[in-house]
Amino acid sequence: MPSRRHEGLVELVRNRPELTTLSLGPSAAGYEVTLEDSALTISEYHPDLVALLRRGGSLALALAVEVQLRRDANKLRTWPVFATGLRAKYRCSAGVFVIAPSPAVRVWAKTPIPLDPFGSLFCPRVLQPSEVARIRTIQDARGNPELAVLSAVCHPTADHAIRAVVAADRLDERRADMYIETILASLPRNERIALERLMQSSTYRWSEFAQRQQAKGKAEGKAEGKAEGRHAAILLILSEREIRVTKKARTQILACSDPQRLESWIRRALQIRKIDELFEEA
């Protein structure tokens, strides 16, 4: 059964089919994209999605879209079938477009697949992080939440993640939960803890997802994990707000183990203009 992360990445393309034009690089402009039933009439195998790309009213390309989280030797047999099946069904150029968050899986997926003893090869088109725009502002993220989430997956840093979470949390509950879970699953451990802690903060104005997760009974972790998460949350907020953190300030933040003080600093980090104000007594 596909994981929630797999489903989340498929959902991005389902809700924003235009993401498939990333497969075309600089020549992507001018295409209209629609999704079709992924059941191929000549095959028992089904890709995650099928996208049809039209230009000037004519069908130009049929793509089997595959989200790949790990290596799977079976795909080396089914991917060529997807392409030939689509080519026969739609009578146009066809290929397989792979979205793989893991660098190792991307390397594996783009390796040409031998088809016969005569030298024929099949080459999947694998999306590279460099081909996905870095979303720089919350406004841009809200304008295209699916691209923002894909950007956060391809560039798994705190600043990209927080912008994507802000954009996703405005969507309907089902989509928001799926997108945010996908973002969190793509982050390194410390940054994931920081973002989760930030969303659980009472001052976090985009906390609906965190509240739903708490209602489902998800644990927050041990005390030391909570402190680590609070430290990272403070530094994440300051970074997002472009407040310079001195070496002395960073040391002071990381040395603190008082939960109430750390919570106070999280709230203050959302409001201050310079780092010295973080430590001022109320």
Protein backbone atom coordinates (compact mmCIF):
# COMPACT_ATOMS: atom_id res chain seq x y z
CA MET A 1 0.00 0.00 0.00
CA PRO A 2 1.41 3.45 -0.91
CA SER A 3 2.63 5.56 2.00
CA ARG A 4 1.13 8.92 2.94
CA ARG A 5 4.26 10.58 1.60
CA HIS A 6 3.83 8.79 -1.73
CA GLU A 7 0.16 9.76 -1.84
CA GLY A 8 1.03 13.34 -0.95
CA LEU A 9 3.45 13.72 -3.86
CA VAL A 10 0.96 12.15 -6.27
CA GLU A 11 -1.69 14.54 -4.96
CA LEU A 12 0.54 17.51 -5.81
CA VAL A 13 0.50 16.57 -9.49
CA ARG A 14 -3.16 15.57 -9.43
CA ASN A 15 -4.09 19.04 -8.15
CA ARG A 16 -1.54 20.90 -10.27
CA PRO A 17 -1.02 18.90 -13.50
CA GLU A 18 1.16 21.71 -14.87
CA LEU A 19 3.97 20.41 -12.65
CA THR A 20 4.55 17.77 -15.32
CA THR A 21 5.89 20.46 -17.67
CA LEU A 22 8.99 20.52 -15.46
CA SER A 23 9.97 17.44 -17.48
CA LEU A 24 10.44 19.66 -20.53
CA GLY A 25 12.90 22.11 -19.01
CA PRO A 26 13.19 25.52 -20.74
CA SER A 27 10.80 24.49 -23.54
CA ALA A 28 7.86 24.00 -21.16
CA ALA A 29 5.97 27.19 -22.03
CA GLY A 30 2.74 27.00 -23.97
CA TYR A 31 1.58 23.52 -22.99
CA GLU A 32 -1.88 22.68 -21.70
CA VAL A 33 -1.99 19.66 -19.39
CA THR A 34 -4.83 17.31 -18.55
CA LEU A 35 -4.88 14.09 -16.54
CA GLU A 36 -6.31 10.85 -17.88
CA ASP A 37 -7.29 7.54 -16.32
CA SER A 38 -4.01 5.81 -15.55
CA ALA A 39 -5.41 2.40 -16.50
CA LEU A 40 -3.67 1.44 -19.75
CA THR A 41 -5.97 -0.67 -21.87
CA ILE A 42 -3.11 -2.81 -23.23
CA SER A 43 -1.45 -3.42 -19.88
CA GLU A 44 -2.25 -4.80 -16.45
CA TYR A 45 0.13 -2.24 -14.95
CA HIS A 46 -0.92 1.24 -13.88
CA PRO A 47 1.29 4.30 -13.29
CA ASP A 48 0.48 6.76 -10.52
CA LEU A 49 -0.89 9.28 -13.02
CA VAL A 50 -1.11 9.85 -16.76
CA ALA A 51 -0.66 13.40 -18.06
CA LEU A 52 -1.41 14.53 -21.60
CA LEU A 53 0.43 17.64 -22.80
CA ARG A 54 -1.06 19.60 -25.67
CA ARG A 55 0.41 22.50 -27.60
CA GLY A 56 -1.52 24.55 -30.10
CA GLY A 57 -4.47 22.22 -29.64
CA SER A 58 -2.51 19.13 -30.69
CA LEU A 59 -1.47 16.28 -28.42
CA ALA A 60 2.31 16.48 -28.13
CA LEU A 61 3.30 14.18 -25.28
CA ALA A 62 1.84 11.52 -23.00
CA LEU A 63 3.58 10.99 -19.67
CA ALA A 64 3.30 8.25 -17.09
CA VAL A 65 3.98 10.07 -13.81
CA GLU A 66 5.64 7.94 -11.15
CA VAL A 67 6.50 8.90 -7.57
CA GLN A 68 9.41 6.76 -6.45
CA LEU A 69 10.54 6.77 -2.80
CA ARG A 70 12.86 3.76 -2.99
CA ARG A 71 14.48 1.42 -5.49
CA ASP A 72 12.16 -1.16 -7.00
CA ALA A 73 13.51 -3.62 -9.55
CA ASN A 74 9.99 -4.23 -10.88
CA LYS A 75 9.89 -0.66 -12.21
CA LEU A 76 12.73 -1.49 -14.59
CA ARG A 77 10.24 -3.80 -16.31
CA THR A 78 7.05 -1.75 -16.02
CA TRP A 79 8.32 1.73 -16.92
CA PRO A 80 9.09 0.81 -20.56
CA VAL A 81 5.63 -0.79 -20.75
CA PHE A 82 4.03 2.47 -19.59
CA ALA A 83 5.76 4.44 -22.33
CA THR A 84 4.97 2.04 -25.16
CA GLY A 85 1.40 1.60 -23.94
CA LEU A 86 0.80 5.35 -23.90
CA ARG A 87 2.42 5.76 -27.30
CA ALA A 88 0.15 3.10 -28.80
CA LYS A 89 -2.98 4.42 -27.10
CA TYR A 90 -2.55 8.14 -27.82
CA ARG A 91 -0.40 7.93 -31.00
CA CYS A 92 2.11 10.52 -29.82
CA SER A 93 5.48 10.75 -28.12
CA ALA A 94 5.41 9.17 -24.67
CA GLY A 95 7.66 8.71 -21.68
CA VAL A 96 7.92 8.19 -17.94
CA PHE A 97 8.39 11.15 -15.61
CA VAL A 98 9.80 10.17 -12.20
CA ILE A 99 9.62 12.27 -9.03
CA ALA A 100 12.07 10.88 -6.46
CA PRO A 101 12.98 12.89 -3.32
CA SER A 102 16.00 10.70 -2.48
CA PRO A 103 19.29 11.50 -4.30
CA ALA A 104 20.21 7.80 -4.38
CA VAL A 105 16.86 6.85 -5.89
CA ARG A 106 17.20 9.60 -8.52
CA VAL A 107 20.57 8.19 -9.61
CA TRP A 108 19.09 4.70 -9.81
CA ALA A 109 15.95 5.82 -11.65
CA LYS A 110 17.73 7.73 -14.40
CA THR A 111 19.99 4.80 -15.32
CA PRO A 112 19.09 3.67 -18.87
CA ILE A 113 17.14 0.39 -18.93
CA PRO A 114 18.33 -2.25 -21.46
CA LEU A 115 15.41 -3.57 -23.51
CA ASP A 116 16.93 -6.23 -25.77
CA PRO A 117 20.25 -7.79 -26.84
CA PHE A 118 20.57 -5.26 -29.68
CA GLY A 119 21.42 -2.20 -27.60
CA SER A 120 17.99 -0.60 -27.27
CA LEU A 121 17.64 1.47 -24.09
CA PHE A 122 14.75 3.13 -22.28
CA CYS A 123 15.54 6.31 -20.35
CA PRO A 124 13.06 7.61 -17.76
CA ARG A 125 12.91 11.38 -17.25
CA VAL A 126 13.84 12.01 -13.61
CA LEU A 127 13.08 15.38 -12.02
CA GLN A 128 16.16 17.05 -10.51
CA PRO A 129 16.01 19.53 -7.58
CA SER A 130 17.80 22.15 -9.70
CA GLU A 131 14.78 22.15 -12.04
CA VAL A 132 12.35 23.09 -9.26
CA ALA A 133 12.16 26.78 -8.36
CA ARG A 134 13.06 27.84 -4.83
CA ILE A 135 10.02 29.61 -3.40
CA ARG A 136 11.37 32.76 -1.74
CA THR A 137 8.28 34.39 -0.26
CA ILE A 138 5.12 33.32 1.55
CA GLN A 139 3.10 35.25 -1.04
CA ASP A 140 4.56 33.13 -3.85
CA ALA A 141 3.93 29.96 -1.84
CA ARG A 142 0.28 30.86 -1.34
CA GLY A 143 -0.08 31.58 -5.05
CA ASN A 144 1.02 28.04 -5.95
CA PRO A 145 0.91 25.77 -2.89
CA GLU A 146 1.63 22.58 -4.87
CA LEU A 147 4.82 24.06 -6.31
CA ALA A 148 5.72 25.34 -2.84
CA VAL A 149 5.38 21.85 -1.36
CA LEU A 150 7.37 20.29 -4.21
CA SER A 151 10.03 22.97 -3.70
CA ALA A 152 10.18 22.15 0.02
CA VAL A 153 10.61 18.45 -0.81
CA CYS A 154 13.35 19.13 -3.37
CA HIS A 155 15.08 21.75 -1.22
CA PRO A 156 14.48 20.36 2.32
CA THR A 157 15.45 23.32 4.48
CA ALA A 158 13.55 25.08 7.25
CA ASP A 159 12.88 28.28 5.32
CA HIS A 160 11.37 26.48 2.32
CA ALA A 161 9.38 24.19 4.60
CA ILE A 162 7.81 26.95 6.68
CA ARG A 163 6.65 28.85 3.58
CA ALA A 164 5.10 25.70 2.16
CA VAL A 165 3.38 24.89 5.47
CA VAL A 166 1.94 28.40 5.67
CA ALA A 167 0.55 28.00 2.13
CA ALA A 168 -0.77 24.47 2.70
CA ASP A 169 -2.51 25.27 5.98
CA ARG A 170 -4.95 27.53 4.09
CA LEU A 171 -6.23 24.66 1.97
CA ASP A 172 -9.03 22.24 2.78
CA GLU A 173 -8.30 19.94 5.72
CA ARG A 174 -7.58 16.80 3.70
CA ARG A 175 -5.15 18.47 1.32
CA ALA A 176 -3.49 20.51 4.07
CA ASP A 177 -2.83 17.46 6.24
CA MET A 178 -1.44 15.45 3.34
CA TYR A 179 0.80 18.25 2.09
CA ILE A 180 2.16 19.12 5.54
CA GLU A 181 2.87 15.47 6.35
CA THR A 182 4.75 15.26 3.04
CA ILE A 183 6.81 18.34 3.92
CA LEU A 184 7.65 17.09 7.40
CA ALA A 185 8.66 13.65 6.09
CA SER A 186 11.16 15.29 3.74
CA LEU A 187 13.00 17.35 6.37
CA PRO A 188 16.14 16.36 8.28
CA ARG A 189 15.33 15.29 11.84
CA ASN A 190 16.31 18.48 13.70
CA GLU A 191 14.49 20.78 11.31
CA ARG A 192 11.43 18.53 11.37
CA ILE A 193 11.35 18.68 15.17
CA ALA A 194 11.72 22.46 15.03
CA LEU A 195 8.88 22.90 12.59
CA GLU A 196 6.61 20.54 14.53
CA ARG A 197 7.38 22.44 17.72
CA LEU A 198 6.68 25.76 16.02
CA MET A 199 3.30 24.54 14.78
CA GLN A 200 2.39 23.40 18.28
CA SER A 201 3.21 26.81 19.76
CA SER A 202 0.15 28.71 20.99
CA THR A 203 1.41 31.80 19.18
CA TYR A 204 1.76 30.07 15.84
CA ARG A 205 -1.01 31.51 13.75
CA TRP A 206 -1.07 28.63 11.27
CA SER A 207 -1.51 25.86 13.84
CA GLU A 208 -4.66 24.08 12.64
CA PHE A 209 -2.68 21.07 11.39
CA ALA A 210 -0.87 20.71 14.72
CA GLN A 211 -4.17 20.86 16.58
CA ARG A 212 -5.61 18.12 14.40
CA GLN A 213 -2.57 15.95 14.94
CA GLN A 214 -2.78 16.42 18.70
CA ALA A 215 -6.45 15.47 18.56
CA LYS A 216 -5.40 12.22 16.90
CA GLY A 217 -3.18 11.49 19.88
CA LYS A 218 0.26 11.91 18.36
CA ALA A 219 3.07 12.00 20.93
CA GLU A 220 5.43 14.94 21.19
CA GLY A 221 8.49 12.95 22.32
CA LYS A 222 10.70 12.93 25.37
CA ALA A 223 11.70 16.02 27.35
CA GLU A 224 15.14 16.30 25.80
CA GLY A 225 13.59 16.04 22.35
CA LYS A 226 11.18 18.84 23.22
CA ALA A 227 14.02 21.12 24.32
CA GLU A 228 15.95 20.33 21.15
CA GLY A 229 12.86 21.13 19.13
CA ARG A 230 12.36 24.45 20.93
CA HIS A 231 15.98 25.46 20.31
CA ALA A 232 15.64 24.70 16.62
CA ALA A 233 12.24 26.44 16.44
CA ILE A 234 13.71 29.67 17.82
CA LEU A 235 16.61 29.60 15.37
CA LEU A 236 14.26 28.71 12.50
CA ILE A 237 11.97 31.67 13.22
CA LEU A 238 14.89 34.07 13.52
CA SER A 239 16.33 32.80 10.25
CA GLU A 240 12.98 33.13 8.47
CA ARG A 241 12.63 36.70 9.77
CA GLU A 242 16.22 37.47 8.68
CA ILE A 243 17.34 38.45 12.18
CA ARG A 244 21.10 37.96 12.54
CA VAL A 245 22.00 35.60 15.37
CA THR A 246 25.39 36.24 16.97
CA LYS A 247 27.57 33.39 18.21
CA LYS A 248 26.92 34.52 21.79
CA ALA A 249 23.14 34.54 21.25
CA ARG A 250 23.17 31.10 19.62
CA THR A 251 25.15 29.69 22.54
CA GLN A 252 22.71 31.21 25.02
CA ILE A 253 19.71 29.76 23.19
CA LEU A 254 21.19 26.27 22.95
CA ALA A 255 22.30 26.30 26.60
CA CYS A 256 18.80 26.97 27.92
CA SER A 257 16.79 23.97 29.15
CA ASP A 258 13.95 25.84 30.88
CA PRO A 259 10.75 24.97 28.95
CA GLN A 260 8.90 28.13 30.01
CA ARG A 261 11.76 30.40 29.02
CA LEU A 262 12.15 28.65 25.68
CA GLU A 263 8.41 29.01 25.02
CA SER A 264 8.73 32.71 25.86
CA TRP A 265 11.60 33.06 23.42
CA ILE A 266 9.59 31.32 20.69
CA ARG A 267 6.80 33.87 21.12
CA ARG A 268 9.27 36.74 21.27
CA ALA A 269 11.17 35.55 18.19
CA LEU A 270 8.01 36.16 16.16
CA GLN A 271 7.96 39.84 17.17
CA ILE A 272 11.47 41.21 17.81
CA ARG A 273 13.48 43.34 15.39
CA LYS A 274 16.99 42.54 16.65
CA ILE A 275 18.52 39.63 18.52
CA ASP A 276 19.21 41.50 21.78
CA GLU A 277 15.46 41.93 22.30
CA LEU A 278 15.05 38.16 22.58
CA PHE A 279 16.68 38.09 25.99
CA GLU A 280 15.18 41.25 27.48
CA GLU A 281 13.11 40.66 30.59
CA ALA A 282 9.45 41.58 30.27
